[in-house]
Protein backbone atom coordinates (compact mmCIF):
# COMPACT_ATOMS: atom_id res chain seq x y z
CA UNK A 1 -20.02 -99.01 2.40
CA UNK A 2 -20.34 -98.98 6.19
CA UNK A 3 -22.97 -96.57 7.57
CA UNK A 4 -22.27 -97.37 11.21
CA UNK A 5 -19.91 -94.43 11.89
CA UNK A 6 -22.41 -91.87 10.58
CA UNK A 7 -25.27 -93.48 12.52
CA UNK A 8 -23.17 -93.60 15.69
CA UNK A 9 -22.19 -89.95 15.22
CA UNK A 10 -25.83 -88.94 14.69
CA UNK A 11 -26.92 -90.91 17.78
CA UNK A 12 -24.17 -89.37 19.93
CA UNK A 13 -25.06 -85.83 18.83
CA UNK A 14 -28.77 -86.48 19.38
CA UNK A 15 -28.15 -87.78 22.89
CA UNK A 16 -25.90 -84.82 23.72
CA UNK A 17 -28.53 -82.36 22.46
CA UNK A 18 -31.26 -84.09 24.46
CA UNK A 19 -29.21 -84.08 27.65
CA UNK A 20 -28.35 -80.41 27.14
CA UNK A 21 -32.05 -79.60 26.75
CA UNK A 22 -32.89 -81.49 29.93
CA UNK A 23 -30.19 -79.59 31.80
CA UNK A 24 -31.54 -76.24 30.63
CA UNK A 25 -35.15 -77.18 31.30
CA UNK A 26 -34.38 -78.14 34.91
CA UNK A 27 -33.70 -74.48 35.77
CA UNK A 28 -37.15 -73.33 34.66
CA UNK A 29 -39.82 -72.35 37.20
CA UNK A 30 -42.00 -75.20 35.95
CA UNK A 31 -39.31 -77.68 37.00
CA UNK A 32 -39.51 -76.56 40.63
CA UNK A 33 -37.05 -73.65 40.72
CA UNK A 34 -38.46 -70.68 42.60
CA UNK A 35 -39.19 -67.52 40.65
CA UNK A 36 -37.11 -64.54 41.70
CA UNK A 37 -38.83 -61.70 43.45
CA UNK A 38 -38.57 -58.22 42.00
CA UNK A 39 -36.17 -57.28 44.82
CA UNK A 40 -33.90 -60.26 44.02
CA UNK A 41 -33.86 -59.35 40.34
CA UNK A 42 -33.00 -55.71 41.08
CA UNK A 43 -30.25 -56.80 43.50
CA UNK A 44 -28.75 -59.11 40.87
CA UNK A 45 -28.98 -56.40 38.21
CA UNK A 46 -27.24 -53.85 40.44
CA UNK A 47 -24.24 -56.18 40.76
CA UNK A 48 -23.76 -56.60 37.01
CA UNK A 49 -21.06 -54.61 35.20
CA UNK A 50 -21.99 -51.89 32.75
CA UNK A 51 -22.91 -53.36 29.37
CA UNK A 52 -21.08 -51.94 26.39
CA UNK A 53 -21.07 -52.47 22.67
CA UNK A 54 -23.96 -52.49 20.23
CA UNK A 55 -25.76 -54.65 17.73
CA UNK A 56 -27.67 -51.89 15.95
CA UNK A 57 -27.40 -51.40 12.21
CA UNK A 58 -29.72 -48.80 10.65
CA UNK A 59 -31.69 -49.69 7.56
CA UNK A 60 -29.47 -47.40 5.44
CA UNK A 61 -26.28 -49.38 6.25
CA UNK A 62 -25.27 -52.81 5.01
CA UNK A 63 -23.11 -53.64 8.05
CA UNK A 64 -21.81 -52.13 11.29
CA UNK A 65 -18.72 -50.56 9.71
CA UNK A 66 -20.70 -48.76 7.01
CA UNK A 67 -22.56 -46.83 9.71
CA UNK A 68 -19.50 -44.63 10.24
CA UNK A 69 -18.46 -44.04 6.61
CA UNK A 70 -18.90 -40.48 5.43
CA UNK A 71 -20.94 -41.51 2.39
CA UNK A 72 -23.51 -43.48 4.38
CA UNK A 73 -23.51 -41.80 7.80
CA UNK A 74 -27.17 -40.98 8.44
CA UNK A 75 -27.88 -39.63 11.95
CA UNK A 76 -31.55 -38.89 11.19
CA UNK A 77 -32.25 -42.54 10.38
CA UNK A 78 -30.21 -43.70 13.40
CA UNK A 79 -32.18 -41.45 15.74
CA UNK A 80 -35.51 -42.47 14.24
CA UNK A 81 -34.81 -46.22 14.35
CA UNK A 82 -33.10 -46.38 17.73
CA UNK A 83 -35.83 -44.64 19.74
């Protein structure tokens, strides 16, 4: 039984993950990138499109489609949990 392919695969994936981490870490303020000013952040935010969609599921629903079913529609819980 030859273990070389599995070891090579593990090594390749480990190297790729490490290089990805180094690439992400280089954009951090600690790596020398300047921190945005509040004005820069507001300018960037103003240029972004309107966000739409949701990822809210109230505690009385099992999933996001059950929210809208007549048997489980619970606006009081939705209002309480989303504020």
